[in-house]
Amino acid sequence: MIRHNAAVPGLVHLYARLAAEAGDPEHPAHDFFRTRTATLQAKARDTIVAAQESGEIRADLDPDWIMRAGHALADGLQSAWMLDPTIDMAADVEQFLRLIR
């Protein structure tokens, strides 16, 4: 998904702009972004817990921390990539996944 988003011209910039603007409770997309974020985080946490139970991810790490760190990493990488498109966001996410395995 990260590779796809980076390959579509303007997509990462558009998402970042909308997400930032939607931080304003009066913005028409505010509720959408809050709901979307909560839904994605819940699904990510469930996936992380299942991966911990199956031994794919370290069980000694808090699943909520993994979810938040992964989300922060993805958002931060998008910001960095907008300034330097030579950054390989997918490779950095893969490195994070190696750290938690």
PDB file of N, CA and C in Angstrom:
ATOM      1  N   MET A   1       0.824  -1.183   0.000  1.00  0.00           N
ATOM      2  CA  MET A   1       0.000   0.000   0.000  1.00  0.00           C
ATOM      3  C   MET A   1       0.873   1.254   0.000  1.00  0.00           C
ATOM      4  N   ILE A   2       1.945   1.239   0.788  1.00  0.00           N
ATOM      5  CA  ILE A   2       2.837   2.395   0.849  1.00  0.00           C
ATOM      6  C   ILE A   2       3.472   2.640  -0.513  1.00  0.00           C
ATOM      7  N   ARG A   3       3.931   1.566  -1.148  1.00  0.00           N
ATOM      8  CA  ARG A   3       4.537   1.719  -2.478  1.00  0.00           C
ATOM      9  C   ARG A   3       3.506   2.271  -3.475  1.00  0.00           C
ATOM     10  N   HIS A   4       2.284   1.788  -3.393  1.00  0.00           N
ATOM     11  CA  HIS A   4       1.225   2.278  -4.283  1.00  0.00           C
ATOM     12  C   HIS A   4       0.980   3.765  -4.057  1.00  0.00           C
ATOM     13  N   ASN A   5       0.824   4.165  -2.799  1.00  0.00           N
ATOM     14  CA  ASN A   5       0.546   5.569  -2.500  1.00  0.00           C
ATOM     15  C   ASN A   5       1.659   6.480  -3.001  1.00  0.00           C
ATOM     16  N   ALA A   6       2.901   6.044  -2.836  1.00  0.00           N
ATOM     17  CA  ALA A   6       4.036   6.852  -3.289  1.00  0.00           C
ATOM     18  C   ALA A   6       4.079   6.948  -4.811  1.00  0.00           C
ATOM     19  N   ALA A   7       3.546   5.942  -5.492  1.00  0.00           N
ATOM     20  CA  ALA A   7       3.595   5.917  -6.956  1.00  0.00           C
ATOM     21  C   ALA A   7       2.493   6.752  -7.607  1.00  0.00           C
ATOM     22  N   VAL A   8       1.461   7.109  -6.852  1.00  0.00           N
ATOM     23  CA  VAL A   8       0.362   7.908  -7.403  1.00  0.00           C
ATOM     24  C   VAL A   8       0.669   9.384  -7.152  1.00  0.00           C
ATOM     25  N   PRO A   9       0.971  10.135  -8.205  1.00  0.00           N
ATOM     26  CA  PRO A   9       1.356  11.542  -8.026  1.00  0.00           C
ATOM     27  C   PRO A   9       0.316  12.339  -7.233  1.00  0.00           C
ATOM     28  N   GLY A  10       0.774  13.006  -6.185  1.00  0.00           N
ATOM     29  CA  GLY A  10      -0.080  13.885  -5.399  1.00  0.00           C
ATOM     30  C   GLY A  10      -0.883  13.212  -4.305  1.00  0.00           C
ATOM     31  N   LEU A  11      -0.945  11.890  -4.280  1.00  0.00           N
ATOM     32  CA  LEU A  11      -1.810  11.202  -3.314  1.00  0.00           C
ATOM     33  C   LEU A  11      -1.349  11.412  -1.872  1.00  0.00           C
ATOM     34  N   VAL A  12      -0.066  11.234  -1.608  1.00  0.00           N
ATOM     35  CA  VAL A  12       0.444  11.409  -0.243  1.00  0.00           C
ATOM     36  C   VAL A  12       0.255  12.857   0.200  1.00  0.00           C
ATOM     37  N   HIS A  13       0.518  13.800  -0.693  1.00  0.00           N
ATOM     38  CA  HIS A  13       0.345  15.218  -0.367  1.00  0.00           C
ATOM     39  C   HIS A  13      -1.119  15.537  -0.059  1.00  0.00           C
ATOM     40  N   LEU A  14      -2.022  15.003  -0.859  1.00  0.00           N
ATOM     41  CA  LEU A  14      -3.445  15.234  -0.653  1.00  0.00           C
ATOM     42  C   LEU A  14      -3.900  14.677   0.688  1.00  0.00           C
ATOM     43  N   TYR A  15      -3.509  13.444   0.981  1.00  0.00           N
ATOM     44  CA  TYR A  15      -3.903  12.829   2.248  1.00  0.00           C
ATOM     45  C   TYR A  15      -3.359  13.635   3.429  1.00  0.00           C
ATOM     46  N   ALA A  16      -2.094  14.021   3.358  1.00  0.00           N
ATOM     47  CA  ALA A  16      -1.479  14.773   4.457  1.00  0.00           C
ATOM     48  C   ALA A  16      -2.197  16.101   4.674  1.00  0.00           C
ATOM     49  N   ARG A  17      -2.523  16.765   3.590  1.00  0.00           N
ATOM     50  CA  ARG A  17      -3.219  18.055   3.713  1.00  0.00           C
ATOM     51  C   ARG A  17      -4.605  17.865   4.325  1.00  0.00           C
ATOM     52  N   LEU A  18      -5.354  16.892   3.820  1.00  0.00           N
ATOM     53  CA  LEU A  18      -6.699  16.651   4.352  1.00  0.00           C
ATOM     54  C   LEU A  18      -6.656  16.237   5.817  1.00  0.00           C
ATOM     55  N   ALA A  19      -5.720  15.361   6.157  1.00  0.00           N
ATOM     56  CA  ALA A  19      -5.617  14.903   7.545  1.00  0.00           C
ATOM     57  C   ALA A  19      -5.293  16.071   8.468  1.00  0.00           C
ATOM     58  N   ALA A  20      -4.388  16.941   8.050  1.00  0.00           N
ATOM     59  CA  ALA A  20      -4.029  18.099   8.878  1.00  0.00           C
ATOM     60  C   ALA A  20      -5.221  19.044   9.030  1.00  0.00           C
ATOM     61  N   GLU A  21      -5.890  19.335   7.941  1.00  0.00           N
ATOM     62  CA  GLU A  21      -7.043  20.237   8.003  1.00  0.00           C
ATOM     63  C   GLU A  21      -8.181  19.635   8.816  1.00  0.00           C
ATOM     64  N   ALA A  22      -8.342  18.321   8.750  1.00  0.00           N
ATOM     65  CA  ALA A  22      -9.421  17.644   9.473  1.00  0.00           C
ATOM     66  C   ALA A  22      -9.172  17.604  10.973  1.00  0.00           C
ATOM     67  N   GLY A  23      -7.989  18.028  11.410  1.00  0.00           N
ATOM     68  CA  GLY A  23      -7.736  18.140  12.844  1.00  0.00           C
ATOM     69  C   GLY A  23      -8.611  19.195  13.499  1.00  0.00           C
ATOM     70  N   ASP A  24      -9.111  20.112  12.717  1.00  0.00           N
ATOM     71  CA  ASP A  24     -10.029  21.145  13.206  1.00  0.00           C
ATOM     72  C   ASP A  24     -11.409  20.518  13.375  1.00  0.00           C
ATOM     73  N   PRO A  25     -11.962  20.521  14.592  1.00  0.00           N
ATOM     74  CA  PRO A  25     -13.274  19.902  14.812  1.00  0.00           C
ATOM     75  C   PRO A  25     -14.388  20.470  13.926  1.00  0.00           C
ATOM     76  N   GLU A  26     -14.199  21.670  13.403  1.00  0.00           N
ATOM     77  CA  GLU A  26     -15.212  22.282  12.539  1.00  0.00           C
ATOM     78  C   GLU A  26     -15.073  21.861  11.070  1.00  0.00           C
ATOM     79  N   HIS A  27     -13.984  21.200  10.738  1.00  0.00           N
ATOM     80  CA  HIS A  27     -13.755  20.798   9.342  1.00  0.00           C
ATOM     81  C   HIS A  27     -14.752  19.706   8.959  1.00  0.00           C
ATOM     82  N   PRO A  28     -15.296  19.751   7.738  1.00  0.00           N
ATOM     83  CA  PRO A  28     -16.285  18.744   7.333  1.00  0.00           C
ATOM     84  C   PRO A  28     -15.761  17.303   7.336  1.00  0.00           C
ATOM     85  N   ALA A  29     -14.452  17.119   7.233  1.00  0.00           N
ATOM     86  CA  ALA A  29     -13.891  15.761   7.211  1.00  0.00           C
ATOM     87  C   ALA A  29     -13.429  15.291   8.589  1.00  0.00           C
ATOM     88  N   HIS A  30     -13.623  16.113   9.610  1.00  0.00           N
ATOM     89  CA  HIS A  30     -13.130  15.780  10.951  1.00  0.00           C
ATOM     90  C   HIS A  30     -13.668  14.433  11.442  1.00  0.00           C
ATOM     91  N   ASP A  31     -14.972  14.260  11.420  1.00  0.00           N
ATOM     92  CA  ASP A  31     -15.566  13.010  11.918  1.00  0.00           C
ATOM     93  C   ASP A  31     -15.126  11.813  11.082  1.00  0.00           C
ATOM     94  N   PHE A  32     -15.026  11.999   9.777  1.00  0.00           N
ATOM     95  CA  PHE A  32     -14.566  10.917   8.908  1.00  0.00           C
ATOM     96  C   PHE A  32     -13.170  10.460   9.319  1.00  0.00           C
ATOM     97  N   PHE A  33     -12.245  11.398   9.493  1.00  0.00           N
ATOM     98  CA  PHE A  33     -10.871  11.032   9.833  1.00  0.00           C
ATOM     99  C   PHE A  33     -10.785  10.416  11.229  1.00  0.00           C
ATOM    100  N   ARG A  34     -11.566  10.919  12.184  1.00  0.00           N
ATOM    101  CA  ARG A  34     -11.566  10.320  13.530  1.00  0.00           C
ATOM    102  C   ARG A  34     -12.061   8.880  13.470  1.00  0.00           C
ATOM    103  N   THR A  35     -13.164   8.662  12.770  1.00  0.00           N
ATOM    104  CA  THR A  35     -13.734   7.319  12.658  1.00  0.00           C
ATOM    105  C   THR A  35     -12.796   6.396  11.896  1.00  0.00           C
ATOM    106  N   ARG A  36     -12.251   6.881  10.787  1.00  0.00           N
ATOM    107  CA  ARG A  36     -11.331   6.076   9.978  1.00  0.00           C
ATOM    108  C   ARG A  36     -10.112   5.679  10.792  1.00  0.00           C
ATOM    109  N   THR A  37      -9.543   6.632  11.517  1.00  0.00           N
ATOM    110  CA  THR A  37      -8.360   6.347  12.325  1.00  0.00           C
ATOM    111  C   THR A  37      -8.679   5.322  13.408  1.00  0.00           C
ATOM    112  N   ALA A  38      -9.786   5.503  14.104  1.00  0.00           N
ATOM    113  CA  ALA A  38     -10.166   4.560  15.164  1.00  0.00           C
ATOM    114  C   ALA A  38     -10.389   3.162  14.594  1.00  0.00           C
ATOM    115  N   THR A  39     -11.041   3.070  13.448  1.00  0.00           N
ATOM    116  CA  THR A  39     -11.297   1.775  12.815  1.00  0.00           C
ATOM    117  C   THR A  39      -9.999   1.098  12.398  1.00  0.00           C
ATOM    118  N   LEU A  40      -9.117   1.851  11.737  1.00  0.00           N
ATOM    119  CA  LEU A  40      -7.839   1.282  11.298  1.00  0.00           C
ATOM    120  C   LEU A  40      -6.975   0.864  12.481  1.00  0.00           C
ATOM    121  N   GLN A  41      -6.980   1.665  13.546  1.00  0.00           N
ATOM    122  CA  GLN A  41      -6.181   1.309  14.719  1.00  0.00           C
ATOM    123  C   GLN A  41      -6.719   0.058  15.399  1.00  0.00           C
ATOM    124  N   ALA A  42      -8.032  -0.081  15.480  1.00  0.00           N
ATOM    125  CA  ALA A  42      -8.617  -1.282  16.087  1.00  0.00           C
ATOM    126  C   ALA A  42      -8.272  -2.523  15.263  1.00  0.00           C
ATOM    127  N   LYS A  43      -8.374  -2.410  13.939  1.00  0.00           N
ATOM    128  CA  LYS A  43      -8.022  -3.546  13.075  1.00  0.00           C
ATOM    129  C   LYS A  43      -6.538  -3.874  13.185  1.00  0.00           C
ATOM    130  N   ALA A  44      -5.700  -2.839  13.224  1.00  0.00           N
ATOM    131  CA  ALA A  44      -4.256  -3.059  13.348  1.00  0.00           C
ATOM    132  C   ALA A  44      -3.943  -3.752  14.668  1.00  0.00           C
ATOM    133  N   ARG A  45      -4.579  -3.307  15.755  1.00  0.00           N
ATOM    134  CA  ARG A  45      -4.328  -3.919  17.059  1.00  0.00           C
ATOM    135  C   ARG A  45      -4.742  -5.388  17.048  1.00  0.00           C
ATOM    136  N   ASP A  46      -5.895  -5.694  16.482  1.00  0.00           N
ATOM    137  CA  ASP A  46      -6.343  -7.091  16.399  1.00  0.00           C
ATOM    138  C   ASP A  46      -5.349  -7.936  15.604  1.00  0.00           C
ATOM    139  N   THR A  47      -4.844  -7.391  14.511  1.00  0.00           N
ATOM    140  CA  THR A  47      -3.861  -8.098  13.687  1.00  0.00           C
ATOM    141  C   THR A  47      -2.570  -8.316  14.461  1.00  0.00           C
ATOM    142  N   ILE A  48      -2.153  -7.308  15.218  1.00  0.00           N
ATOM    143  CA  ILE A  48      -0.929  -7.404  16.020  1.00  0.00           C
ATOM    144  C   ILE A  48      -1.085  -8.469  17.098  1.00  0.00           C
ATOM    145  N   VAL A  49      -2.207  -8.456  17.807  1.00  0.00           N
ATOM    146  CA  VAL A  49      -2.442  -9.452  18.860  1.00  0.00           C
ATOM    147  C   VAL A  49      -2.433 -10.861  18.266  1.00  0.00           C
ATOM    148  N   ALA A  50      -3.089 -11.045  17.132  1.00  0.00           N
ATOM    149  CA  ALA A  50      -3.099 -12.363  16.481  1.00  0.00           C
ATOM    150  C   ALA A  50      -1.682 -12.772  16.085  1.00  0.00           C
ATOM    151  N   ALA A  51      -0.900 -11.827  15.587  1.00  0.00           N
ATOM    152  CA  ALA A  51       0.484 -12.127  15.199  1.00  0.00           C
ATOM    153  C   ALA A  51       1.338 -12.444  16.421  1.00  0.00           C
ATOM    154  N   GLN A  52       1.054 -11.805  17.542  1.00  0.00           N
ATOM    155  CA  GLN A  52       1.773 -12.134  18.773  1.00  0.00           C
ATOM    156  C   GLN A  52       1.401 -13.536  19.245  1.00  0.00           C
ATOM    157  N   GLU A  53       0.128 -13.866  19.177  1.00  0.00           N
ATOM    158  CA  GLU A  53      -0.327 -15.184  19.621  1.00  0.00           C
ATOM    159  C   GLU A  53       0.238 -16.303  18.751  1.00  0.00           C
ATOM    160  N   SER A  54       0.466 -16.016  17.476  1.00  0.00           N
ATOM    161  CA  SER A  54       1.007 -17.038  16.571  1.00  0.00           C
ATOM    162  C   SER A  54       2.534 -17.051  16.553  1.00  0.00           C
ATOM    163  N   GLY A  55       3.151 -16.130  17.282  1.00  0.00           N
ATOM    164  CA  GLY A  55       4.607 -16.089  17.355  1.00  0.00           C
ATOM    165  C   GLY A  55       5.286 -15.298  16.246  1.00  0.00           C
ATOM    166  N   GLU A  56       4.510 -14.620  15.416  1.00  0.00           N
ATOM    167  CA  GLU A  56       5.093 -13.832  14.318  1.00  0.00           C
ATOM    168  C   GLU A  56       5.685 -12.512  14.811  1.00  0.00           C
ATOM    169  N   ILE A  57       5.137 -11.991  15.898  1.00  0.00           N
ATOM    170  CA  ILE A  57       5.591 -10.730  16.487  1.00  0.00           C
ATOM    171  C   ILE A  57       5.884 -10.980  17.963  1.00  0.00           C
ATOM    172  N   ARG A  58       6.901 -10.302  18.454  1.00  0.00           N
ATOM    173  CA  ARG A  58       7.297 -10.471  19.854  1.00  0.00           C
ATOM    174  C   ARG A  58       6.126 -10.220  20.804  1.00  0.00           C
ATOM    175  N   ALA A  59       5.909 -11.157  21.700  1.00  0.00           N
ATOM    176  CA  ALA A  59       4.810 -11.057  22.657  1.00  0.00           C
ATOM    177  C   ALA A  59       5.153 -10.168  23.846  1.00  0.00           C
ATOM    178  N   ASP A  60       6.436  -9.818  24.007  1.00  0.00           N
ATOM    179  CA  ASP A  60       6.830  -8.983  25.140  1.00  0.00           C
ATOM    180  C   ASP A  60       6.591  -7.493  24.885  1.00  0.00           C
ATOM    181  N   LEU A  61       6.114  -7.148  23.695  1.00  0.00           N
ATOM    182  CA  LEU A  61       5.830  -5.751  23.370  1.00  0.00           C
ATOM    183  C   LEU A  61       4.334  -5.486  23.486  1.00  0.00           C
ATOM    184  N   ASP A  62       3.988  -4.330  24.017  1.00  0.00           N
ATOM    185  CA  ASP A  62       2.589  -3.935  24.175  1.00  0.00           C
ATOM    186  C   ASP A  62       1.962  -3.727  22.789  1.00  0.00           C
ATOM    187  N   PRO A  63       0.870  -4.435  22.484  1.00  0.00           N
ATOM    188  CA  PRO A  63       0.264  -4.298  21.160  1.00  0.00           C
ATOM    189  C   PRO A  63      -0.217  -2.879  20.864  1.00  0.00           C
ATOM    190  N   ASP A  64      -0.649  -2.159  21.891  1.00  0.00           N
ATOM    191  CA  ASP A  64      -1.064  -0.773  21.673  1.00  0.00           C
ATOM    192  C   ASP A  64       0.136   0.095  21.296  1.00  0.00           C
ATOM    193  N   TRP A  65       1.284  -0.166  21.923  1.00  0.00           N
ATOM    194  CA  TRP A  65       2.500   0.579  21.577  1.00  0.00           C
ATOM    195  C   TRP A  65       2.906   0.272  20.138  1.00  0.00           C
ATOM    196  N   ILE A  66       2.874  -1.000  19.751  1.00  0.00           N
ATOM    197  CA  ILE A  66       3.236  -1.366  18.379  1.00  0.00           C
ATOM    198  C   ILE A  66       2.324  -0.638  17.395  1.00  0.00           C
ATOM    199  N   MET A  67       1.028  -0.630  17.683  1.00  0.00           N
ATOM    200  CA  MET A  67       0.064   0.032  16.808  1.00  0.00           C
ATOM    201  C   MET A  67       0.364   1.525  16.712  1.00  0.00           C
ATOM    202  N   ARG A  68       0.579   2.181  17.858  1.00  0.00           N
ATOM    203  CA  ARG A  68       0.857   3.628  17.842  1.00  0.00           C
ATOM    204  C   ARG A  68       2.189   3.938  17.169  1.00  0.00           C
ATOM    205  N   ALA A  69       3.201   3.140  17.456  1.00  0.00           N
ATOM    206  CA  ALA A  69       4.521   3.362  16.856  1.00  0.00           C
ATOM    207  C   ALA A  69       4.464   3.160  15.342  1.00  0.00           C
ATOM    208  N   GLY A  70       3.748   2.145  14.905  1.00  0.00           N
ATOM    209  CA  GLY A  70       3.604   1.909  13.470  1.00  0.00           C
ATOM    210  C   GLY A  70       2.861   3.038  12.775  1.00  0.00           C
ATOM    211  N   HIS A  71       1.813   3.525  13.421  1.00  0.00           N
ATOM    212  CA  HIS A  71       1.040   4.638  12.867  1.00  0.00           C
ATOM    213  C   HIS A  71       1.909   5.898  12.803  1.00  0.00           C
ATOM    214  N   ALA A  72       2.625   6.173  13.881  1.00  0.00           N
ATOM    215  CA  ALA A  72       3.503   7.350  13.910  1.00  0.00           C
ATOM    216  C   ALA A  72       4.609   7.233  12.862  1.00  0.00           C
ATOM    217  N   LEU A  73       5.157   6.039  12.717  1.00  0.00           N
ATOM    218  CA  LEU A  73       6.197   5.817  11.715  1.00  0.00           C
ATOM    219  C   LEU A  73       5.656   6.105  10.315  1.00  0.00           C
ATOM    220  N   ALA A  74       4.490   5.564  10.003  1.00  0.00           N
ATOM    221  CA  ALA A  74       3.915   5.768   8.670  1.00  0.00           C
ATOM    222  C   ALA A  74       3.647   7.249   8.406  1.00  0.00           C
ATOM    223  N   ASP A  75       3.065   7.939   9.378  1.00  0.00           N
ATOM    224  CA  ASP A  75       2.795   9.368   9.199  1.00  0.00           C
ATOM    225  C   ASP A  75       4.087  10.165   9.062  1.00  0.00           C
ATOM    226  N   GLY A  76       5.060   9.862   9.905  1.00  0.00           N
ATOM    227  CA  GLY A  76       6.336  10.566   9.843  1.00  0.00           C
ATOM    228  C   GLY A  76       7.075  10.316   8.543  1.00  0.00           C
ATOM    229  N   LEU A  77       7.037   9.087   8.078  1.00  0.00           N
ATOM    230  CA  LEU A  77       7.690   8.767   6.808  1.00  0.00           C
ATOM    231  C   LEU A  77       7.037   9.509   5.645  1.00  0.00           C
ATOM    232  N   GLN A  78       5.719   9.631   5.687  1.00  0.00           N
ATOM    233  CA  GLN A  78       5.049  10.372   4.619  1.00  0.00           C
ATOM    234  C   GLN A  78       5.491  11.830   4.615  1.00  0.00           C
ATOM    235  N   SER A  79       5.595  12.431   5.794  1.00  0.00           N
ATOM    236  CA  SER A  79       6.060  13.822   5.874  1.00  0.00           C
ATOM    237  C   SER A  79       7.479  13.952   5.346  1.00  0.00           C
ATOM    238  N   ALA A  80       8.344  13.041   5.748  1.00  0.00           N
ATOM    239  CA  ALA A  80       9.737  13.080   5.291  1.00  0.00           C
ATOM    240  C   ALA A  80       9.819  12.845   3.787  1.00  0.00           C
ATOM    241  N   TRP A  81       9.017  11.911   3.275  1.00  0.00           N
ATOM    242  CA  TRP A  81       9.030  11.578   1.852  1.00  0.00           C
ATOM    243  C   TRP A  81       8.579  12.755   0.991  1.00  0.00           C
ATOM    244  N   MET A  82       7.641  13.548   1.511  1.00  0.00           N
ATOM    245  CA  MET A  82       7.189  14.704   0.738  1.00  0.00           C
ATOM    246  C   MET A  82       8.331  15.701   0.527  1.00  0.00           C
ATOM    247  N   LEU A  83       9.271  15.750   1.459  1.00  0.00           N
ATOM    248  CA  LEU A  83      10.436  16.625   1.329  1.00  0.00           C
ATOM    249  C   LEU A  83      11.572  15.956   0.575  1.00  0.00           C
ATOM    250  N   ASP A  84      11.635  14.623   0.666  1.00  0.00           N
ATOM    251  CA  ASP A  84      12.713  13.879   0.010  1.00  0.00           C
ATOM    252  C   ASP A  84      12.152  12.580  -0.561  1.00  0.00           C
ATOM    253  N   PRO A  85      11.674  12.607  -1.799  1.00  0.00           N
ATOM    254  CA  PRO A  85      11.046  11.422  -2.385  1.00  0.00           C
ATOM    255  C   PRO A  85      11.994  10.260  -2.659  1.00  0.00           C
ATOM    256  N   THR A  86      13.271  10.413  -2.338  1.00  0.00           N
ATOM    257  CA  THR A  86      14.177   9.266  -2.477  1.00  0.00           C
ATOM    258  C   THR A  86      14.058   8.323  -1.284  1.00  0.00           C
ATOM    259  N   ILE A  87      13.381   8.750  -0.232  1.00  0.00           N
ATOM    260  CA  ILE A  87      13.171   7.887   0.938  1.00  0.00           C
ATOM    261  C   ILE A  87      12.291   6.713   0.525  1.00  0.00           C
ATOM    262  N   ASP A  88      12.717   5.519   0.880  1.00  0.00           N
ATOM    263  CA  ASP A  88      11.948   4.309   0.584  1.00  0.00           C
ATOM    264  C   ASP A  88      11.090   3.991   1.809  1.00  0.00           C
ATOM    265  N   MET A  89       9.873   4.522   1.808  1.00  0.00           N
ATOM    266  CA  MET A  89       8.990   4.353   2.961  1.00  0.00           C
ATOM    267  C   MET A  89       8.718   2.883   3.254  1.00  0.00           C
ATOM    268  N   ALA A  90       8.482   2.105   2.224  1.00  0.00           N
ATOM    269  CA  ALA A  90       8.175   0.684   2.419  1.00  0.00           C
ATOM    270  C   ALA A  90       9.348  -0.045   3.056  1.00  0.00           C
ATOM    271  N   ALA A  91      10.567   0.280   2.639  1.00  0.00           N
ATOM    272  CA  ALA A  91      11.750  -0.363   3.228  1.00  0.00           C
ATOM    273  C   ALA A  91      11.880   0.001   4.701  1.00  0.00           C
ATOM    274  N   ASP A  92      11.562   1.244   5.048  1.00  0.00           N
ATOM    275  CA  ASP A  92      11.639   1.645   6.451  1.00  0.00           C
ATOM    276  C   ASP A  92      10.577   0.938   7.293  1.00  0.00           C
ATOM    277  N   VAL A  93       9.388   0.756   6.745  1.00  0.00           N
ATOM    278  CA  VAL A  93       8.347   0.011   7.459  1.00  0.00           C
ATOM    279  C   VAL A  93       8.768  -1.450   7.613  1.00  0.00           C
ATOM    280  N   GLU A  94       9.365  -2.021   6.577  1.00  0.00           N
ATOM    281  CA  GLU A  94       9.853  -3.403   6.667  1.00  0.00           C
ATOM    282  C   GLU A  94      10.917  -3.535   7.752  1.00  0.00           C
ATOM    283  N   GLN A  95      11.768  -2.531   7.892  1.00  0.00           N
ATOM    284  CA  GLN A  95      12.780  -2.538   8.954  1.00  0.00           C
ATOM    285  C   GLN A  95      12.108  -2.524  10.332  1.00  0.00           C
ATOM    286  N   PHE A  96      11.068  -1.710  10.495  1.00  0.00           N
ATOM    287  CA  PHE A  96      10.311  -1.672  11.749  1.00  0.00           C
ATOM    288  C   PHE A  96       9.731  -3.054  12.056  1.00  0.00           C
ATOM    289  N   LEU A  97       9.174  -3.693  11.041  1.00  0.00           N
ATOM    290  CA  LEU A  97       8.601  -5.028  11.245  1.00  0.00           C
ATOM    291  C   LEU A  97       9.664  -6.034  11.671  1.00  0.00           C
ATOM    292  N   ARG A  98      10.873  -5.914  11.116  1.00  0.00           N
ATOM    293  CA  ARG A  98      11.961  -6.805  11.545  1.00  0.00           C
ATOM    294  C   ARG A  98      12.307  -6.563  13.016  1.00  0.00           C
ATOM    295  N   LEU A  99      12.208  -5.327  13.461  1.00  0.00           N
ATOM    296  CA  LEU A  99      12.536  -5.012  14.858  1.00  0.00           C
ATOM    297  C   LEU A  99      11.544  -5.617  15.850  1.00  0.00           C
ATOM    298  N   ILE A 100      10.301  -5.743  15.446  1.00  0.00           N
ATOM    299  CA  ILE A 100       9.294  -6.246  16.385  1.00  0.00           C
ATOM    300  C   ILE A 100       9.076  -7.750  16.268  1.00  0.00           C
ATOM    301  N   ARG A 101       9.801  -8.392  15.372  1.00  0.00           N
ATOM    302  CA  ARG A 101       9.662  -9.850  15.227  1.00  0.00           C
ATOM    303  C   ARG A 101      10.573 -10.575  16.187  1.00  0.00           C
TER     304      ARG A 101
END
